[in-house]
Amino acid sequence: MLKTATSSPASIASGFHALSDPLRIQVLELLREQELCVCELCERLSVTQSKLSFHLKTLKEAELVRARQEGRWIYYSLNLVQFIALEQYLSEYRRFSPLLPARLCRDEP
């Protein structure tokens, strides 16, 4: 079951913040291919588990990834619904914000 996306200003900001770090982008790129456990992510990214945990926490708080526990392992996968919410947010600018030239400010009454 997919978790529903939220499109509040805080959720949008959290999503874009999570996308602002190169290591988090690398995590997302790996998860595009398949669900992975923490140990596999650490190995493929050559990072320590403590460093990766910080970044996974940020991605989870932004709802960009989901975590599920199986035995003692935690597996991560993309939460595509949240990616759709961010994509829709950006598309609103493209569709409804025409690029108009700036109006000149005048000191005249």
Protein backbone atom coordinates (compact mmCIF):
# COMPACT_ATOMS: atom_id res chain seq x y z
CA MET A 1 0.00 0.00 0.00
CA LEU A 2 1.40 3.40 -0.98
CA LYS A 3 1.49 6.13 1.61
CA THR A 4 -0.51 9.15 0.53
CA ALA A 5 1.35 12.29 -0.42
CA THR A 6 0.99 15.55 1.40
CA SER A 7 1.36 18.85 -0.39
CA SER A 8 1.48 21.32 2.48
CA PRO A 9 4.15 24.03 2.23
CA ALA A 10 6.15 22.27 4.95
CA SER A 11 5.97 18.95 3.10
CA ILE A 12 7.04 20.52 -0.19
CA ALA A 13 9.96 22.32 1.50
CA SER A 14 10.98 19.12 3.27
CA GLY A 15 10.96 17.23 -0.02
CA PHE A 16 13.15 19.73 -1.81
CA HIS A 17 15.49 19.98 1.17
CA ALA A 18 15.90 16.20 1.09
CA LEU A 19 16.77 16.41 -2.61
CA SER A 20 19.48 19.02 -1.98
CA ASP A 21 22.23 16.64 -0.86
CA PRO A 22 24.38 14.61 -3.31
CA LEU A 23 24.49 11.53 -1.05
CA ARG A 24 20.71 11.49 -0.69
CA ILE A 25 20.41 11.74 -4.48
CA GLN A 26 22.72 8.72 -4.77
CA VAL A 27 20.51 6.81 -2.33
CA LEU A 28 17.44 7.63 -4.40
CA GLU A 29 19.20 6.59 -7.60
CA LEU A 30 20.00 3.18 -6.10
CA LEU A 31 16.44 2.78 -4.86
CA ARG A 32 15.13 3.48 -8.36
CA GLU A 33 16.45 0.06 -9.31
CA GLN A 34 15.21 -1.95 -6.34
CA GLU A 35 14.42 -2.03 -2.65
CA LEU A 36 17.63 -2.25 -0.60
CA CYS A 37 18.59 -2.82 3.02
CA VAL A 38 20.84 -0.48 4.96
CA CYS A 39 23.84 -2.80 4.69
CA GLU A 40 23.53 -2.92 0.88
CA LEU A 41 23.22 0.87 0.68
CA CYS A 42 26.28 1.34 2.90
CA GLU A 43 28.30 -1.06 0.78
CA ARG A 44 27.32 0.46 -2.56
CA LEU A 45 27.83 4.03 -1.37
CA SER A 46 30.98 3.30 0.67
CA VAL A 47 29.65 5.13 3.72
CA THR A 48 29.26 4.20 7.37
CA GLN A 49 25.89 3.19 8.73
CA SER A 50 25.81 6.17 11.09
CA LYS A 51 26.34 8.62 8.22
CA LEU A 52 23.75 6.88 6.07
CA SER A 53 21.21 6.75 8.91
CA PHE A 54 21.21 10.54 9.13
CA HIS A 55 20.43 10.84 5.42
CA LEU A 56 17.82 8.08 5.45
CA LYS A 57 16.08 9.86 8.34
CA THR A 58 15.90 13.04 6.24
CA LEU A 59 14.50 11.11 3.27
CA LYS A 60 11.93 9.36 5.48
CA GLU A 61 10.83 12.63 7.11
CA ALA A 62 10.34 14.07 3.62
CA GLU A 63 8.30 10.95 2.78
CA LEU A 64 10.51 10.24 -0.24
CA VAL A 65 11.38 6.76 1.01
CA ARG A 66 9.54 4.07 2.91
CA ALA A 67 11.06 1.65 5.37
CA ARG A 68 9.90 -1.84 6.19
CA GLN A 69 11.40 -4.22 8.67
CA GLU A 70 11.93 -7.88 7.88
CA GLY A 71 13.54 -9.71 10.75
CA ARG A 72 16.45 -7.64 11.92
CA TRP A 73 16.88 -5.84 8.59
CA ILE A 74 15.25 -2.62 7.43
CA TYR A 75 14.56 -2.32 3.74
CA TYR A 76 14.09 1.00 1.95
CA SER A 77 12.15 1.78 -1.20
CA LEU A 78 10.93 4.89 -2.98
CA ASN A 79 7.60 6.42 -2.05
CA LEU A 80 6.58 7.36 -5.58
CA VAL A 81 3.44 9.12 -4.41
CA GLN A 82 5.54 11.84 -2.76
CA PHE A 83 7.63 12.27 -5.90
CA ILE A 84 4.39 12.80 -7.81
CA ALA A 85 3.33 15.47 -5.29
CA LEU A 86 6.62 17.35 -5.82
CA GLU A 87 6.34 16.98 -9.57
CA GLN A 88 2.78 18.33 -9.53
CA TYR A 89 3.88 21.27 -7.37
CA LEU A 90 6.54 22.22 -9.93
CA SER A 91 4.22 21.65 -12.88
CA GLU A 92 1.85 24.29 -11.51
CA TYR A 93 4.52 26.91 -12.15
CA ARG A 94 4.99 25.74 -15.70
CA ARG A 95 1.27 25.63 -16.46
CA PHE A 96 -0.07 28.65 -14.60
CA SER A 97 2.78 31.14 -14.26
CA PRO A 98 3.35 32.94 -17.55
CA LEU A 99 6.71 34.59 -17.89
CA LEU A 100 5.84 38.25 -18.23
CA PRO A 101 8.36 41.08 -18.40
CA ALA A 102 8.73 43.07 -15.21
CA ARG A 103 6.76 46.29 -15.00
CA LEU A 104 8.78 49.43 -14.53
CA CYS A 105 8.36 51.06 -11.15
CA ARG A 106 7.51 54.75 -11.33
CA ASP A 107 7.84 57.37 -8.66
CA GLU A 108 5.02 59.37 -10.25
CA PRO A 109 1.59 59.50 -8.60
